Amino acid sequence: MTAATLITKPLPAHPLPKKPLPAGWPRERYESHNRRLKAMRLAIALLDTGVYRPEQAPNRTIRSTAAEIGVHTPSDTTCRMVRALLYDHC
């Protein structure tokens, strides 16, 4: 018997192109979608800087990370979402 091998593809050098969201959604759905994307970007940036636990990420830290990566200042709700993502990571 042969052992299964894991084939991995190299990551693309540039991010995938953005696609427009479908028309006809209620405004709240667009806002929620964009808020979740922003929270994911911030959570990834925090993980890259060594912040792995929610208690290591007060609003001040999340907002300074947002400024470093060029994202608009997140709201308190978005900061809570970032901490929730970090909590799920643990």
C-alpha atoms as a PDB file:
ATOM      1  CA  MET A   1       0.000   0.000   0.000  1.00  0.00           C
ATOM      2  CA  THR A   2       1.155   3.482  -0.718  1.00  0.00           C
ATOM      3  CA  ALA A   3       0.897   6.261   1.789  1.00  0.00           C
ATOM      4  CA  ALA A   4      -1.270   9.216   0.899  1.00  0.00           C
ATOM      5  CA  THR A   5       0.680  12.323   0.095  1.00  0.00           C
ATOM      6  CA  LEU A   6      -0.455  15.835   0.696  1.00  0.00           C
ATOM      7  CA  ILE A   7      -0.098  18.038  -2.345  1.00  0.00           C
ATOM      8  CA  THR A   8       0.016  21.719  -1.573  1.00  0.00           C
ATOM      9  CA  LYS A   9      -0.213  24.543  -4.041  1.00  0.00           C
ATOM     10  CA  PRO A  10       1.854  27.670  -3.531  1.00  0.00           C
ATOM     11  CA  LEU A  11      -0.148  30.712  -2.487  1.00  0.00           C
ATOM     12  CA  PRO A  12      -0.741  33.336  -5.166  1.00  0.00           C
ATOM     13  CA  ALA A  13       1.640  36.297  -5.131  1.00  0.00           C
ATOM     14  CA  HIS A  14      -1.286  38.702  -5.079  1.00  0.00           C
ATOM     15  CA  PRO A  15      -4.728  38.533  -3.452  1.00  0.00           C
ATOM     16  CA  LEU A  16      -7.650  37.282  -5.456  1.00  0.00           C
ATOM     17  CA  PRO A  17      -9.617  39.970  -7.291  1.00  0.00           C
ATOM     18  CA  LYS A  18     -12.640  41.304  -5.458  1.00  0.00           C
ATOM     19  CA  LYS A  19     -16.049  40.518  -6.863  1.00  0.00           C
ATOM     20  CA  PRO A  20     -18.981  42.879  -6.454  1.00  0.00           C
ATOM     21  CA  LEU A  21     -21.642  41.752  -4.011  1.00  0.00           C
ATOM     22  CA  PRO A  22     -24.962  40.776  -5.545  1.00  0.00           C
ATOM     23  CA  ALA A  23     -27.504  43.548  -5.940  1.00  0.00           C
ATOM     24  CA  GLY A  24     -30.755  43.487  -4.048  1.00  0.00           C
ATOM     25  CA  TRP A  25     -29.540  42.658  -0.559  1.00  0.00           C
ATOM     26  CA  PRO A  26     -30.791  44.821   2.312  1.00  0.00           C
ATOM     27  CA  ARG A  27     -28.260  47.471   3.376  1.00  0.00           C
ATOM     28  CA  GLU A  28     -27.763  45.764   6.763  1.00  0.00           C
ATOM     29  CA  ARG A  29     -26.536  42.626   5.022  1.00  0.00           C
ATOM     30  CA  TYR A  30     -23.860  44.549   3.091  1.00  0.00           C
ATOM     31  CA  GLU A  31     -22.745  46.286   6.293  1.00  0.00           C
ATOM     32  CA  SER A  32     -22.606  42.993   8.182  1.00  0.00           C
ATOM     33  CA  HIS A  33     -20.646  41.331   5.384  1.00  0.00           C
ATOM     34  CA  ASN A  34     -18.080  44.140   5.230  1.00  0.00           C
ATOM     35  CA  ARG A  35     -17.790  44.224   9.032  1.00  0.00           C
ATOM     36  CA  ARG A  36     -16.993  40.495   9.087  1.00  0.00           C
ATOM     37  CA  LEU A  37     -14.351  40.918   6.373  1.00  0.00           C
ATOM     38  CA  LYS A  38     -12.752  43.764   8.314  1.00  0.00           C
ATOM     39  CA  ALA A  39     -12.767  41.714  11.530  1.00  0.00           C
ATOM     40  CA  MET A  40     -11.071  38.815   9.743  1.00  0.00           C
ATOM     41  CA  ARG A  41      -8.375  41.080   8.294  1.00  0.00           C
ATOM     42  CA  LEU A  42      -7.703  42.538  11.724  1.00  0.00           C
ATOM     43  CA  ALA A  43      -7.657  39.128  13.435  1.00  0.00           C
ATOM     44  CA  ILE A  44      -5.142  37.835  10.887  1.00  0.00           C
ATOM     45  CA  ALA A  45      -2.956  40.918  11.361  1.00  0.00           C
ATOM     46  CA  LEU A  46      -3.069  40.484  15.142  1.00  0.00           C
ATOM     47  CA  LEU A  47      -2.149  36.806  14.858  1.00  0.00           C
ATOM     48  CA  ASP A  48       0.788  37.800  12.640  1.00  0.00           C
ATOM     49  CA  THR A  49       2.013  40.179  15.361  1.00  0.00           C
ATOM     50  CA  GLY A  50       1.810  37.555  18.111  1.00  0.00           C
ATOM     51  CA  VAL A  51      -1.560  38.396  19.667  1.00  0.00           C
ATOM     52  CA  TYR A  52      -3.209  35.002  20.090  1.00  0.00           C
ATOM     53  CA  ARG A  53      -5.673  35.458  22.958  1.00  0.00           C
ATOM     54  CA  PRO A  54      -8.669  37.792  23.216  1.00  0.00           C
ATOM     55  CA  GLU A  55      -7.447  39.271  26.486  1.00  0.00           C
ATOM     56  CA  GLN A  56      -4.289  40.421  24.662  1.00  0.00           C
ATOM     57  CA  ALA A  57      -6.408  42.506  22.268  1.00  0.00           C
ATOM     58  CA  PRO A  58      -8.072  45.516  23.891  1.00  0.00           C
ATOM     59  CA  ASN A  59      -9.738  48.035  21.594  1.00  0.00           C
ATOM     60  CA  ARG A  60      -6.612  50.208  21.635  1.00  0.00           C
ATOM     61  CA  THR A  61      -4.455  47.376  20.263  1.00  0.00           C
ATOM     62  CA  ILE A  62      -6.991  46.456  17.586  1.00  0.00           C
ATOM     63  CA  ARG A  63      -7.335  50.078  16.490  1.00  0.00           C
ATOM     64  CA  SER A  64      -3.579  50.635  16.324  1.00  0.00           C
ATOM     65  CA  THR A  65      -3.241  47.475  14.240  1.00  0.00           C
ATOM     66  CA  ALA A  66      -5.959  48.792  11.920  1.00  0.00           C
ATOM     67  CA  ALA A  67      -3.989  52.005  11.448  1.00  0.00           C
ATOM     68  CA  GLU A  68      -0.824  50.008  10.668  1.00  0.00           C
ATOM     69  CA  ILE A  69      -2.479  47.886   7.974  1.00  0.00           C
ATOM     70  CA  GLY A  70      -4.412  50.790   6.477  1.00  0.00           C
ATOM     71  CA  VAL A  71      -7.936  49.904   7.585  1.00  0.00           C
ATOM     72  CA  HIS A  72     -10.409  52.495   8.854  1.00  0.00           C
ATOM     73  CA  THR A  73     -10.732  52.656  12.639  1.00  0.00           C
ATOM     74  CA  PRO A  74     -13.003  49.798  13.745  1.00  0.00           C
ATOM     75  CA  SER A  75     -16.066  50.333  15.900  1.00  0.00           C
ATOM     76  CA  ASP A  76     -16.585  48.720  19.305  1.00  0.00           C
ATOM     77  CA  THR A  77     -18.753  46.073  17.610  1.00  0.00           C
ATOM     78  CA  THR A  78     -15.995  45.199  15.143  1.00  0.00           C
ATOM     79  CA  CYS A  79     -13.459  45.017  17.992  1.00  0.00           C
ATOM     80  CA  ARG A  80     -15.735  42.523  19.776  1.00  0.00           C
ATOM     81  CA  MET A  81     -15.924  40.471  16.574  1.00  0.00           C
ATOM     82  CA  VAL A  82     -12.120  40.443  16.324  1.00  0.00           C
ATOM     83  CA  ARG A  83     -11.841  39.152  19.892  1.00  0.00           C
ATOM     84  CA  ALA A  84     -14.466  36.502  19.130  1.00  0.00           C
ATOM     85  CA  LEU A  85     -12.407  35.337  16.156  1.00  0.00           C
ATOM     86  CA  LEU A  86      -9.292  35.193  18.337  1.00  0.00           C
ATOM     87  CA  TYR A  87     -11.249  33.206  20.931  1.00  0.00           C
ATOM     88  CA  ASP A  88     -12.320  30.706  18.258  1.00  0.00           C
ATOM     89  CA  HIS A  89      -8.679  30.381  17.230  1.00  0.00           C
ATOM     90  CA  CYS A  90      -7.554  29.240  20.688  1.00  0.00           C
END
